[in-house]
Structures are given as structure tokens and as C-alpha cells.
Protein backbone atom coordinates (compact mmCIF):
# COMPACT_ATOMS: atom_id res chain seq x y z
CA MET A 1 -40.34 -146.87 15.53
CA VAL A 2 -38.16 -149.62 16.39
CA VAL A 3 -38.16 -152.55 13.55
CA LYS A 4 -36.29 -154.83 15.61
CA GLY A 5 -38.14 -154.95 18.74
CA LYS A 6 -37.79 -152.47 21.85
CA LYS A 7 -34.58 -153.07 23.66
CA THR A 8 -34.14 -151.92 27.24
CA LYS A 9 -30.60 -150.75 26.89
CA ASN A 10 -30.32 -147.34 24.86
CA PRO A 11 -26.95 -147.66 22.68
CA PRO A 12 -24.98 -144.84 21.94
CA VAL A 13 -26.16 -142.10 19.87
CA LEU A 14 -25.23 -142.56 15.86
CA SER A 15 -23.60 -146.07 16.88
CA HIS A 16 -24.55 -148.76 14.04
CA GLU A 17 -27.14 -150.50 16.84
CA PHE A 18 -28.95 -146.99 17.18
CA VAL A 19 -29.15 -146.43 13.49
CA ILE A 20 -30.37 -149.97 12.86
CA GLN A 21 -33.01 -149.86 15.87
CA ASN A 22 -34.32 -146.13 14.74
CA HIS A 23 -33.43 -146.09 10.81
CA ALA A 24 -37.02 -145.76 9.88
CA ASP A 25 -37.38 -142.68 12.33
CA ILE A 26 -34.00 -141.19 10.69
CA VAL A 27 -35.14 -141.98 7.07
CA ALA A 28 -38.60 -140.42 7.74
CA CYS A 29 -36.86 -137.42 8.96
CA VAL A 30 -34.84 -137.19 5.64
CA ALA A 31 -37.73 -137.39 3.40
CA MET A 32 -39.52 -134.66 5.52
CA VAL A 33 -36.85 -132.14 4.85
CA PHE A 34 -37.93 -132.58 0.96
CA VAL A 35 -41.89 -132.52 1.82
CA VAL A 36 -41.29 -129.11 4.20
CA GLY A 37 -39.06 -127.75 1.33
CA LEU A 38 -42.15 -127.64 -0.68
CA MET A 39 -43.96 -125.18 1.73
CA PHE A 40 -41.30 -122.49 1.17
CA GLN A 41 -41.01 -120.59 -2.01
CA ALA A 42 -37.08 -120.49 -1.92
CA SER A 43 -36.54 -124.27 -1.39
CA SER A 44 -39.84 -125.25 -3.48
CA PRO A 45 -38.14 -125.78 -6.98
CA ALA A 46 -35.28 -127.87 -5.18
CA ALA A 47 -37.63 -130.12 -3.17
CA SER A 48 -39.97 -130.54 -6.40
CA VAL A 49 -36.78 -132.23 -8.12
CA PHE A 50 -37.16 -135.06 -5.46
CA ILE A 51 -40.67 -135.55 -5.09
CA ALA A 52 -42.56 -134.52 -8.33
CA LEU A 53 -42.19 -136.26 -11.66
CA HIS A 54 -40.32 -134.26 -14.66
CA HIS A 55 -39.63 -134.01 -18.26
CA ASN A 56 -43.37 -133.77 -18.95
CA VAL A 57 -43.89 -133.29 -22.84
CA THR A 58 -47.16 -132.33 -24.84
CA VAL A 59 -48.36 -135.29 -27.13
CA PRO A 60 -50.99 -134.98 -29.70
CA LEU A 61 -53.68 -138.10 -28.90
CA GLU A 62 -56.06 -138.98 -31.28
CA ILE A 63 -59.48 -139.22 -29.28
CA GLN A 64 -61.45 -139.82 -32.44
CA PRO A 65 -61.05 -139.91 -36.15
CA GLY A 66 -59.12 -137.31 -37.26
CA VAL A 67 -59.46 -135.38 -33.96
CA PHE A 68 -56.51 -134.85 -31.69
CA GLN A 69 -56.31 -133.68 -28.13
CA ASP A 70 -52.97 -132.41 -26.63
CA VAL A 71 -52.54 -135.04 -23.68
CA LEU A 72 -49.44 -134.19 -21.05
CA GLN A 73 -46.86 -137.17 -20.75
CA TYR A 74 -43.85 -137.77 -19.45
CA THR A 75 -40.42 -139.04 -20.52
CA GLN A 76 -37.28 -140.31 -19.32
CA GLY A 77 -34.50 -138.09 -17.89
CA LEU A 78 -31.83 -137.04 -15.78
CA LYS A 79 -34.12 -135.62 -13.24
CA ASP A 80 -35.53 -139.00 -12.30
CA ILE A 81 -32.53 -139.86 -10.43
CA PRO A 82 -33.52 -137.50 -7.20
CA ALA A 83 -37.08 -138.71 -7.42
CA VAL A 84 -35.76 -142.63 -7.52
CA PHE A 85 -33.87 -141.70 -4.25
CA PHE A 86 -36.98 -139.85 -2.50
CA TYR A 87 -39.08 -142.86 -3.22
CA LEU A 88 -36.21 -145.32 -2.21
CA LEU A 89 -36.53 -143.43 1.39
CA ILE A 90 -40.36 -143.91 1.14
CA SER A 91 -39.71 -147.70 0.40
CA VAL A 92 -37.41 -147.91 3.59
CA VAL A 93 -40.08 -146.09 5.60
CA ILE A 94 -43.29 -148.51 4.41
CA HIS A 95 -41.11 -151.51 4.90
CA ALA A 96 -40.44 -150.54 8.43
CA ILE A 97 -44.42 -150.10 8.99
CA ILE A 98 -45.29 -153.19 7.17
CA GLN A 99 -42.64 -155.30 9.46
CA GLU A 100 -43.42 -153.50 12.78
CA TYR A 101 -47.25 -153.37 12.54
CA LEU A 102 -48.14 -156.65 10.51
CA LEU A 103 -45.39 -159.23 10.12
CA ASP A 104 -43.83 -158.81 13.95
CA LYS A 105 -47.43 -159.05 15.25
CA VAL A 106 -48.26 -162.47 13.14
CA ASN A 107 -44.55 -163.61 14.04
CA LYS A 108 -45.32 -163.69 17.69
CA LYS A 109 -48.66 -165.55 17.25
CA LEU A 110 -46.88 -168.34 15.03
CA HIS A 111 -43.71 -168.51 17.27
CA LEU A 112 -41.58 -169.42 14.26
CA SER A 113 -37.80 -170.71 14.52
CA LYS A 114 -35.35 -168.01 13.87
CA VAL A 115 -34.43 -169.40 9.91
CA LYS A 116 -38.33 -169.58 9.52
CA HIS A 117 -38.95 -165.81 11.18
CA VAL A 118 -36.47 -164.58 8.39
CA LYS A 119 -38.01 -166.53 5.67
CA PHE A 120 -41.46 -165.36 6.72
CA ASN A 121 -40.56 -161.60 6.87
CA GLU A 122 -39.06 -161.77 3.55
CA SER A 123 -41.89 -163.35 1.73
CA GLY A 124 -44.52 -161.07 3.72
CA GLN A 125 -42.58 -157.90 2.42
CA LEU A 126 -42.46 -159.47 -0.97
CA LEU A 127 -45.98 -160.27 -1.14
CA ALA A 128 -47.07 -156.86 -0.51
CA PHE A 129 -45.05 -155.31 -3.02
CA TYR A 130 -45.97 -157.93 -5.38
CA LEU A 131 -50.19 -157.27 -4.80
CA MET A 132 -49.64 -153.66 -4.86
CA SER A 133 -47.52 -153.88 -8.25
CA LEU A 134 -50.44 -156.20 -9.52
CA VAL A 135 -53.18 -153.81 -8.92
CA TRP A 136 -51.36 -150.94 -10.31
CA ALA A 137 -50.02 -152.65 -13.51
CA GLY A 138 -53.78 -154.07 -14.04
CA ASP A 139 -54.93 -150.59 -13.64
CA ILE A 140 -52.58 -149.19 -16.17
CA ILE A 141 -53.51 -151.75 -18.75
CA LEU A 142 -57.34 -151.14 -18.14
CA ARG A 143 -56.60 -147.33 -18.63
CA GLU A 144 -54.63 -147.41 -21.26
CA ASN A 145 -56.26 -150.16 -23.05
CA LEU A 146 -53.28 -152.34 -23.49
CA PHE A 147 -55.25 -155.61 -24.13
CA SER A 148 -54.26 -155.87 -27.77
CA VAL A 149 -50.72 -157.79 -28.41
CA ALA A 150 -49.99 -155.43 -30.95
CA ALA A 151 -49.68 -152.47 -28.39
CA LEU A 152 -46.63 -153.77 -27.23
CA TRP A 153 -44.83 -152.42 -30.56
CA GLU A 154 -47.54 -150.06 -32.22
CA GLY A 155 -46.55 -146.46 -32.68
CA TYR A 156 -42.91 -146.79 -31.60
CA PRO A 157 -41.13 -145.05 -30.22
CA LEU A 158 -43.50 -141.90 -30.10
CA HIS A 159 -46.34 -143.66 -27.83
CA HIS A 160 -43.66 -145.71 -25.82
CA ALA A 161 -41.15 -143.17 -25.06
CA SER A 162 -43.98 -140.79 -23.72
CA MET A 163 -45.82 -142.29 -20.38
CA SER A 164 -48.68 -141.07 -18.38
CA PHE A 165 -48.13 -140.02 -14.94
CA LEU A 166 -49.01 -143.26 -13.11
CA PHE A 167 -47.21 -145.57 -16.37
CA LYS A 168 -44.00 -143.49 -15.30
CA PHE A 169 -44.72 -143.05 -11.45
CA PHE A 170 -44.80 -147.01 -11.76
CA PHE A 171 -41.57 -147.55 -13.14
CA ILE A 172 -40.16 -144.95 -10.59
CA ILE A 173 -41.46 -146.84 -7.66
CA GLN A 174 -40.20 -150.44 -9.23
CA ILE A 175 -36.68 -148.79 -9.43
CA SER A 176 -36.76 -147.25 -5.89
CA TYR A 177 -38.21 -150.45 -4.23
CA TRP A 178 -35.58 -152.72 -5.94
CA LEU A 179 -32.69 -150.34 -5.05
CA HIS A 180 -34.12 -150.20 -1.18
CA ILE A 181 -33.12 -154.10 -0.87
CA PHE A 182 -29.48 -153.11 -0.68
CA PRO A 183 -29.64 -150.52 2.47
CA GLU A 184 -32.38 -153.03 3.99
CA LEU A 185 -29.38 -155.81 4.29
CA TYR A 186 -27.56 -153.35 6.73
CA PHE A 187 -31.19 -152.05 8.32
CA GLN A 188 -32.28 -155.71 8.98
CA LYS A 189 -29.07 -157.01 10.10
CA THR A 190 -29.05 -159.93 7.08
CA LYS A 191 -26.53 -162.55 7.67
CA ARG A 192 -23.64 -162.39 5.24
CA GLU A 193 -24.47 -165.88 3.92
CA ASP A 194 -27.78 -164.63 2.78
CA TRP A 195 -26.87 -161.58 0.96
CA ALA A 196 -25.84 -163.25 -2.42
CA PRO A 197 -29.53 -164.18 -3.16
CA ARG A 198 -31.36 -161.02 -2.25
CA ILE A 199 -28.59 -159.13 -4.21
CA GLN A 200 -28.65 -161.50 -6.98
CA TYR A 201 -32.41 -161.08 -7.81
CA ALA A 202 -32.59 -157.21 -6.96
CA CYS A 203 -29.67 -156.89 -9.57
CA LEU A 204 -31.59 -158.88 -12.20
CA TYR A 205 -34.96 -156.81 -11.12
CA LEU A 206 -32.88 -153.44 -11.60
CA ALA A 207 -31.12 -154.56 -14.76
CA PHE A 208 -33.99 -155.57 -16.76
CA ILE A 209 -36.22 -152.69 -15.41
CA VAL A 210 -33.99 -150.25 -15.89
CA GLY A 211 -33.24 -151.52 -19.40
CA ALA A 212 -36.73 -151.33 -20.54
CA TYR A 213 -37.48 -147.72 -18.91
CA LEU A 214 -33.98 -146.24 -20.67
CA THR A 215 -34.97 -148.14 -23.94
CA SER A 216 -38.69 -147.09 -24.23
CA PHE A 217 -39.54 -150.86 -24.13
CA THR A 218 -41.88 -150.00 -21.04
CA ARG A 219 -44.97 -151.85 -22.42
CA LEU A 220 -43.47 -155.02 -22.99
CA ALA A 221 -41.76 -154.61 -19.45
CA LEU A 222 -45.05 -153.91 -17.96
CA PHE A 223 -46.82 -156.96 -19.10
CA LEU A 224 -43.44 -159.25 -18.28
CA LEU A 225 -43.35 -157.88 -14.63
CA PHE A 226 -47.22 -158.70 -14.23
CA VAL A 227 -46.83 -162.06 -15.43
CA GLN A 228 -43.41 -162.67 -13.03
CA TYR A 229 -45.53 -161.17 -10.32
CA LEU A 230 -48.37 -162.88 -10.35
CA ALA A 231 -46.23 -166.26 -10.11
CA GLU A 232 -44.15 -164.81 -7.21
CA ALA A 233 -47.16 -163.43 -5.68
CA VAL A 234 -49.04 -167.08 -5.35
CA PHE A 235 -45.32 -168.67 -4.67
CA HIS A 236 -44.94 -166.26 -1.37
CA THR A 237 -48.70 -166.64 -0.36
CA CYS A 238 -47.98 -170.59 -0.09
CA ARG A 239 -44.81 -170.18 2.51
CA ILE A 240 -46.98 -167.64 4.40
CA LEU A 241 -49.69 -170.15 4.50
CA ASP A 242 -47.50 -173.25 5.21
CA TYR A 243 -45.76 -171.17 7.86
CA ALA A 244 -49.13 -170.32 9.46
CA GLU A 245 -50.05 -173.80 9.72
CA LYS A 246 -52.40 -174.05 6.90
CA SER A 247 -50.70 -176.81 5.03
CA ALA A 248 -53.65 -178.45 3.44
CA VAL A 249 -54.52 -175.13 1.51
CA ALA A 250 -50.63 -174.64 0.76
CA SER A 251 -50.01 -177.73 -0.85
CA LYS A 252 -52.35 -176.96 -3.41
CA LEU A 253 -51.68 -173.53 -4.01
CA PHE A 254 -47.88 -174.84 -4.32
CA ARG A 255 -49.04 -176.94 -7.44
CA LEU A 256 -50.76 -173.86 -8.75
CA GLY A 257 -47.64 -171.86 -8.03
CA ASP A 258 -45.37 -174.16 -10.09
CA LEU A 259 -47.71 -174.15 -12.73
CA LEU A 260 -47.67 -170.36 -13.06
CA PHE A 261 -44.07 -170.12 -12.71
CA VAL A 262 -43.59 -172.52 -16.04
CA LEU A 263 -46.15 -170.48 -17.70
CA ALA A 264 -44.74 -167.12 -16.68
CA ARG A 265 -41.77 -168.33 -18.41
CA LEU A 266 -43.55 -169.57 -21.58
CA SER A 267 -45.21 -166.38 -22.06
CA SER A 268 -42.14 -164.07 -21.24
CA VAL A 269 -40.53 -165.87 -23.98
CA ILE A 270 -43.24 -165.73 -26.26
CA LEU A 271 -44.10 -161.78 -25.59
CA ALA A 272 -40.37 -161.04 -26.00
CA VAL A 273 -40.28 -162.78 -29.33
CA LEU A 274 -43.29 -161.14 -30.63
CA THR A 275 -42.27 -157.91 -29.93
CA PHE A 276 -38.50 -158.05 -30.97
CA TRP A 277 -38.28 -160.66 -33.65
CA PHE A 278 -41.59 -159.63 -35.51
CA GLY A 279 -43.55 -156.58 -34.05
CA LEU A 280 -40.89 -154.22 -33.78
CA ALA A 281 -38.99 -155.76 -37.10
CA SER A 282 -42.17 -154.99 -38.99
CA LEU A 283 -42.30 -151.21 -38.55
CA PRO A 284 -40.97 -148.98 -41.31
CA LEU A 285 -37.53 -149.04 -42.17
CA GLU A 286 -37.11 -145.28 -41.67
CA GLN A 287 -38.09 -145.94 -37.96
CA GLN A 288 -35.49 -148.68 -37.41
CA VAL A 289 -32.80 -146.46 -36.56
CA LEU A 290 -30.69 -145.45 -33.27
CA ASP A 291 -32.00 -142.09 -32.26
CA LEU A 292 -31.05 -141.24 -28.64
CA PRO A 293 -32.86 -137.98 -28.57
CA THR A 294 -36.09 -139.29 -29.47
CA GLY A 295 -35.65 -142.49 -27.50
CA ASN A 296 -36.01 -144.73 -30.76
CA PHE A 297 -33.79 -147.98 -29.94
CA ASN A 298 -35.37 -150.02 -32.75
CA THR A 299 -32.43 -151.61 -34.08
CA GLY A 300 -31.47 -154.88 -35.32
CA LEU A 301 -28.66 -155.05 -32.60
CA VAL A 302 -30.67 -153.87 -29.96
CA ARG A 303 -33.75 -156.09 -30.68
CA LEU A 304 -31.32 -158.99 -30.88
CA ASN A 305 -29.64 -158.19 -27.68
CA CYS A 306 -32.82 -157.68 -25.95
CA LEU A 307 -34.67 -160.76 -26.77
CA LEU A 308 -31.35 -163.03 -25.90
CA ALA A 309 -31.18 -161.30 -22.50
CA VAL A 310 -35.07 -162.12 -21.86
CA CYS A 311 -34.85 -165.68 -23.32
CA LEU A 312 -31.72 -166.35 -21.49
CA LEU A 313 -32.93 -165.26 -18.27
CA GLN A 314 -36.19 -167.31 -18.70
CA ALA A 315 -34.24 -170.52 -19.76
CA TRP A 316 -31.97 -169.76 -16.50
CA LEU A 317 -34.83 -169.78 -14.04
CA MET A 318 -36.07 -172.55 -15.52
CA TRP A 319 -33.29 -174.87 -15.30
CA ASN A 320 -33.07 -173.82 -11.82
CA PHE A 321 -36.53 -174.94 -11.47
CA ILE A 322 -36.10 -178.40 -13.09
CA MET A 323 -32.94 -179.03 -10.70
CA PHE A 324 -34.83 -177.79 -7.89
CA GLN A 325 -37.65 -180.03 -8.29
CA VAL A 326 -35.24 -182.99 -9.30
CA LYS A 327 -33.22 -182.18 -5.59
CA ARG A 328 -36.39 -182.03 -3.93
CA ALA A 329 -37.91 -185.43 -5.21
CA ARG A 330 -34.42 -186.98 -4.60
CA GLU A 331 -34.37 -185.87 -1.00
CA ALA A 332 -37.91 -186.44 -0.22
CA GLY A 333 -37.78 -190.23 -0.73
CA PRO A 334 -40.49 -191.84 1.38
CA ALA A 335 -40.17 -188.71 4.13
CA SER A 336 -42.83 -186.30 2.63
CA GLY A 337 -41.77 -183.62 5.57
CA ASP A 338 -38.49 -183.27 3.78
CA ARG A 339 -39.96 -182.23 0.48
CA LYS A 340 -42.17 -179.92 2.10
CA SER A 341 -38.88 -178.46 4.22
CA THR A 342 -37.09 -178.25 1.02
CA ARG A 343 -39.32 -176.11 -0.68
CA LEU A 344 -39.71 -173.59 2.22
CA ASN A 345 -36.08 -173.22 2.84
CA SER A 346 -35.37 -172.54 -0.77
CA SER A 347 -33.51 -169.38 -1.66
CA HIS A 348 -35.62 -166.61 -3.23
CA PRO A 349 -36.51 -165.81 -5.94
CA ARG A 350 -37.57 -169.15 -7.17
CA TYR A 351 -34.41 -171.25 -6.48
CA LEU A 352 -31.98 -168.81 -7.73
């Protein structure tokens, strides 16, 4: 599988160019080593550490008033690190498959410039991930009946530290995907001047997702990611449509995307305030004690820092968004085409 296109000249084995051209095959072979390891009794325990989810516990679940049933749940632990590594490899392979069998074929028909080609590939990859994550997050919300706002803090930490299989797997995949951005900078031969924005947004996602995962604030993180990914999915859909010369539809969706972006910032702040300032603070005092073994981080200091982190991030994103709109309006002037190009060539995500 050659992501950057077939070459007439074969580079030396294990050279940089060889690794870049064949990185998907190389990574797939490494992943297959773990999969094949499951087939043999001697290597199965070691291979399962990388592929299967661990740290499972049995939690009593009330299915009817006064009737409890033991349910298999999962918690966080050190064995999540090998799993994240394995699914990082899978993310690299899927990235290459989407690039070669979908995006490259569309690019050939569009005849985009080199700069637009890079932007189109970035939006295409992110859109595929956002759509998958939206469907997955929505399914978790439906399965676990998390429609009540009070579900964001009720039962903390017991019902939050223990997650269903799909819930934990969702966060493992999220961490793996944003980690795979870093090797992709090398595999995709990204220019050094384009590294900063990609590293920046990957680090921001990782910091908040890993932080929520370790502190058992996964329910709040699930809703915040759903809101964020919805706005970003619309934005990247607009960029792809505009590159595909569907400007009439894209211009209308751009306005919708701007509205969703503002609503996402507002709703994220509201959910964070309700959870950290009111919800978790209203729990019994005996539960508001830092207890690492049980995953209880419900203390005033932790809540305050988490709330400040979420609010400061939303304020920073909103400030950049406003500054971008002001800059775009100044540069556009009487020429509407400049306004369009400014938006399309803006750095990701959302004008960082």
C-alpha cells in the first residue's frame, strides 16, 4: 500500500523514502504480529494485553426497584497503555486506507493545487473520524440512557469510574487517534511550518481526553466531545464541498458551521459549570474526598481547576474565532473571493 502514489524508482530498503512509501504495510505487519500471537497458547496472554480491554470489574446494577444484577464493567489502569499502542497502529493503517482508496481518487478528479490538496486531505481524514465518533457517542448515550443532565454527576465516582465495554473502547480509540497524528507528520511528509497547528490541536484533545479519562469525568467528556465534533464535522464538510466546487451549498453550511461553533462553546461552558460548580458539589460531603484507588477526584480544588480549564479553552477558541472573523471582514473588502479563500486556508482547528 503506497500512500503517496506509486514511484517508478524503488528507494533503498529501510531508507526514509522506503518507510514513508510503505509505512501502512509495515505498520499493518507489526499489528498482525499481535493478532497472530492470539492464536498460540504461549503468546496469547502477552498478545491479549495489546488487543483486549483489561481492568474489568463486576458492578451491581439496579434493573428494577430493589432488584440488582451483576454487570461486567471496566475501569482505568496501566494495561490501557499497550491497548492504546495497538489501536494507534490500527489508526495509522485506516488513515492510509482512507487516503489511498478514497481521498486520492477524489483528488485526481478535482485537480487541486498543492496547498488545497493538503487541506482537502486533512479535512477528509478528520471528517471521517468525527462522523464515526459522533455515531459512536450517540449510540453510547442511547444505550446507557444518558439523556438527563443530572447523569453527568449522579453516582460519581462508582458509576463513572466503571464503564461499559463500548464506553471504555470509545476513549481508547480517541486517545489512539489523536496520538497517531504525530507519526503521521512524518509519514505524510508534512512541511515543518504546518506542524505547529496540528501538534497544537492534537495536544489539546489529548490533554482533555486523557485528563477526563483518568479522573473519571468520562460522561462529561463524552458530551463535550459530541458537541465539539458536531461543529467540526460541519466545518470540514463545508471545506470539502467548496473544494469540490459546490460553493452554493458550502456557503450556506459555512454560516451553519459558524453558528454551531458558537453554540458549542456556549453549551460546553454551561455543561462544565453545571457539572463542576453545582452537580458534583451537591454530592454528600463524605464523597468529596480525593481517593485514587476508587477514582474519586471530587474535591473543590480538582473541580475548580477542571472548570477553569474548560472555560479558558472555550474562551480562547471563541477569541480566535472572533479575531478571524474580524480579519476576514477586513481582508474581504469589496472582493468576496478573498473572503472565501481566507476561510478555506485558515489553520485547523477553527482558527487556532
